[in-house]
Protein backbone atom coordinates (compact mmCIF):
# COMPACT_ATOMS: atom_id res chain seq x y z
CA MET A 1 0.00 0.00 0.00
CA THR A 2 1.53 3.32 -1.03
CA GLY A 3 -0.82 5.67 0.76
CA ASP A 4 -2.13 7.24 -2.48
CA GLN A 5 -5.72 6.24 -1.78
CA PRO A 6 -7.83 8.53 0.42
CA GLY A 7 -8.09 7.11 3.92
CA ALA A 8 -5.26 4.60 3.31
CA PRO A 9 -2.57 4.43 6.00
CA GLN A 10 0.60 6.29 5.07
CA THR A 11 3.68 4.14 4.50
CA ARG A 12 7.17 5.07 3.41
CA ARG A 13 8.28 4.41 -0.14
CA GLY A 14 11.34 2.48 -1.21
CA LEU A 15 13.52 -0.13 0.40
CA ILE A 16 14.65 2.03 3.33
CA GLY A 17 11.09 3.08 4.07
CA ALA A 18 9.92 -0.53 3.96
CA LEU A 19 12.71 -1.56 6.35
CA ILE A 20 11.83 1.26 8.75
CA ASP A 21 8.15 0.29 8.60
CA ARG A 22 9.03 -3.34 9.32
CA PHE A 23 11.87 -3.01 11.85
CA GLY A 24 11.51 0.50 13.31
CA HIS A 25 9.99 -0.79 16.56
CA LEU A 26 12.89 -3.22 16.99
CA VAL A 27 15.46 -0.45 16.44
CA ARG A 28 13.70 1.67 19.10
CA GLU A 29 13.69 -1.26 21.54
CA ILE A 30 17.38 -1.96 20.94
CA SER A 31 18.23 1.73 21.41
CA LYS A 32 16.34 1.93 24.68
CA PHE A 33 17.80 -1.39 25.85
CA ALA A 34 21.32 -0.12 25.09
CA THR A 35 20.68 3.15 26.92
CA VAL A 36 19.38 1.36 30.01
CA GLY A 37 22.26 -1.14 29.87
CA GLY A 38 24.84 1.63 29.46
CA PHE A 39 23.46 3.47 32.48
CA ALA A 40 23.42 0.25 34.55
CA PHE A 41 27.01 -0.49 33.47
CA LEU A 42 28.14 2.97 34.64
CA VAL A 43 26.36 2.52 37.98
CA ASP A 44 27.94 -0.94 38.41
CA PHE A 45 31.41 0.33 37.49
CA ALA A 46 31.26 3.47 39.68
CA LEU A 47 29.68 1.78 42.68
CA PHE A 48 32.10 -1.17 42.55
CA ASN A 49 35.12 1.13 42.43
CA TYR A 50 33.73 3.35 45.19
CA LEU A 51 33.01 0.40 47.49
CA ALA A 52 36.28 -1.41 46.76
CA SER A 53 38.64 1.58 46.64
CA VAL A 54 37.13 4.25 48.89
CA ARG A 55 35.20 2.13 51.38
CA HIS A 56 37.83 -0.69 51.29
CA MET A 57 35.19 -3.38 50.96
CA PRO A 58 36.38 -6.81 49.76
CA PRO A 59 36.13 -6.89 45.92
CA VAL A 60 33.71 -9.83 45.75
CA ALA A 61 31.32 -8.19 48.22
CA ALA A 62 31.64 -4.85 46.41
CA LYS A 63 30.94 -6.50 43.06
CA THR A 64 27.94 -8.37 44.44
CA ILE A 65 26.39 -5.20 45.84
CA SER A 66 27.12 -3.11 42.74
CA THR A 67 25.77 -5.81 40.42
CA VAL A 68 22.52 -6.28 42.34
CA ILE A 69 21.89 -2.52 42.43
CA ALA A 70 22.79 -2.03 38.76
CA ALA A 71 20.65 -5.02 37.71
CA THR A 72 17.70 -3.70 39.70
CA LEU A 73 18.03 -0.32 37.96
CA ALA A 74 18.26 -2.13 34.60
CA PHE A 75 15.15 -4.13 35.42
CA LEU A 76 13.19 -0.98 36.28
CA GLY A 77 14.44 0.87 33.19
CA ASN A 78 13.60 -2.01 30.89
CA ARG A 79 10.21 -2.71 32.48
CA PHE A 80 9.02 0.90 32.61
CA TRP A 81 10.74 2.34 29.52
CA THR A 82 12.15 -0.17 27.02
CA TRP A 83 9.21 -2.57 27.13
CA ARG A 84 6.52 -0.45 28.81
CA HIS A 85 4.17 -1.27 25.94
CA ARG A 86 4.40 -4.99 26.69
CA GLN A 87 1.94 -6.95 28.78
CA ARG A 88 2.82 -7.13 32.46
CA SER A 89 2.89 -10.38 34.33
CA HIS A 90 3.57 -10.85 38.02
CA PRO A 91 6.44 -8.48 39.04
CA ALA A 92 8.18 -11.15 41.14
CA ARG A 93 8.14 -13.51 38.13
CA GLU A 94 9.60 -10.85 35.86
CA TYR A 95 12.27 -9.89 38.39
CA ALA A 96 13.28 -13.52 39.06
CA LEU A 97 13.52 -14.31 35.33
CA PHE A 98 15.43 -11.07 34.76
CA PHE A 99 18.05 -12.04 37.36
CA PHE A 100 18.20 -15.61 36.06
CA PHE A 101 18.93 -14.41 32.50
CA ASN A 102 21.42 -11.86 33.89
CA GLY A 103 23.20 -14.81 35.51
CA VAL A 104 23.32 -16.65 32.18
CA GLY A 105 24.67 -13.47 30.51
CA LEU A 106 27.33 -13.22 33.22
CA GLY A 107 28.19 -16.88 32.60
CA ILE A 108 28.70 -16.12 28.91
CA ALA A 109 31.16 -13.32 29.76
CA VAL A 110 33.03 -15.52 32.24
CA ALA A 111 33.17 -18.38 29.71
CA CYS A 112 34.67 -16.04 27.09
CA LEU A 113 37.29 -14.92 29.60
CA ALA A 114 38.08 -18.52 30.64
CA ILE A 115 38.39 -19.70 27.02
CA SER A 116 40.72 -16.80 26.24
CA ARG A 117 42.88 -17.00 29.38
CA TYR A 118 43.05 -20.75 29.98
CA GLY A 119 42.26 -22.27 26.58
CA LEU A 120 44.00 -19.95 24.14
CA GLY A 121 46.36 -18.76 26.88
CA ALA A 122 47.77 -22.28 27.23
CA ILE A 123 48.81 -22.08 23.58
CA TRP A 124 49.89 -18.40 23.39
CA PRO A 125 50.35 -17.12 26.96
CA GLU A 126 52.19 -13.96 25.85
CA VAL A 127 49.08 -12.90 23.91
CA PHE A 128 46.08 -14.32 25.79
CA GLN A 129 47.26 -14.13 29.40
CA THR A 130 47.53 -10.35 29.51
CA PRO A 131 45.29 -7.70 31.06
CA LEU A 132 44.42 -6.41 27.56
CA ALA A 133 43.33 -9.88 26.39
CA ASP A 134 41.33 -10.36 29.61
CA ASN A 135 39.51 -7.07 29.09
CA ILE A 136 38.81 -7.78 25.41
CA ALA A 137 37.56 -11.31 26.13
CA SER A 138 35.45 -10.28 29.11
CA PHE A 139 34.17 -6.79 28.36
CA ILE A 140 34.03 -6.74 24.56
CA VAL A 141 33.41 -10.32 23.42
CA GLY A 142 31.74 -11.64 26.59
CA THR A 143 29.64 -8.59 27.34
CA GLY A 144 28.70 -8.29 23.66
CA LEU A 145 27.51 -11.89 23.39
CA GLY A 146 25.88 -11.73 26.82
CA THR A 147 24.04 -8.54 25.84
CA LEU A 148 22.68 -10.15 22.68
CA PHE A 149 21.48 -13.10 24.75
CA ARG A 150 19.92 -10.85 27.40
CA PHE A 151 18.08 -8.74 24.82
CA TRP A 152 16.64 -11.85 23.20
CA SER A 153 15.72 -13.54 26.51
CA TYR A 154 14.19 -10.45 28.13
CA ARG A 155 12.14 -9.77 25.01
CA ARG A 156 11.07 -13.41 24.66
CA PHE A 157 10.57 -14.55 28.27
CA VAL A 158 10.58 -11.66 30.74
CA PHE A 159 8.71 -8.78 29.11
CA VAL A 160 6.42 -10.87 26.92
CA GLU A 161 4.44 -9.66 23.94
CA ALA A 162 0.74 -9.46 24.60
CA GLY A 163 -0.96 -12.37 22.87
CA THR A 164 -4.26 -12.42 21.11
CA PRO A 165 -6.92 -13.45 23.61
CA PRO A 166 -8.57 -16.73 22.72
CA VAL A 167 -12.07 -16.50 21.31
CA PRO A 168 -14.51 -18.51 23.41
CA ALA A 169 -16.07 -21.40 21.52
CA THR A 170 -19.81 -21.25 20.95
CA SER A 171 -22.14 -24.20 21.03
CA ARG A 172 -22.50 -23.97 17.20
CA ASP A 173 -18.70 -24.43 16.83
CA HIS A 174 -18.82 -27.68 18.82
CA GLU A 175 -21.80 -29.01 16.89
CA SER A 176 -20.33 -28.31 13.46
CA GLY A 177 -16.91 -29.66 14.36
CA ALA A 178 -15.24 -26.29 13.55
């Protein structure tokens, strides 16, 4: 439909317009997801360094606290901004699934680091057992793959798309076998 007919919905012309019509909502969701994730990352990074360096908290405790706070902020941002248009289920269910999938995303980042440091590092230690290689494997490759997984899982399982409500069957449907 080109929108030339009176009363017809307006659509964009050309390949780019067709792509925007088809995938524009997904681009907006990804942009919002990235914004929320970037903010949560900054909170995690700043709070961890504050707790570990200024407050002299043990690093594992500092990381646990900063991660839980950052993940909670990410949950709220994604629930009430990124996917606010999506159907809401029980908040405890959403929050539990959100943290579960965050754990899987963290596992992906740790696996990338372990493969780099211990797998590839056993072969080329001068390349893969360095702080630069650890940061690339963990923060670039691991966080990148984990973020793709989290976007997919949050969109698919946590903040679910509203389904079409089932139409109740009438007695005529049962009689006719339809």
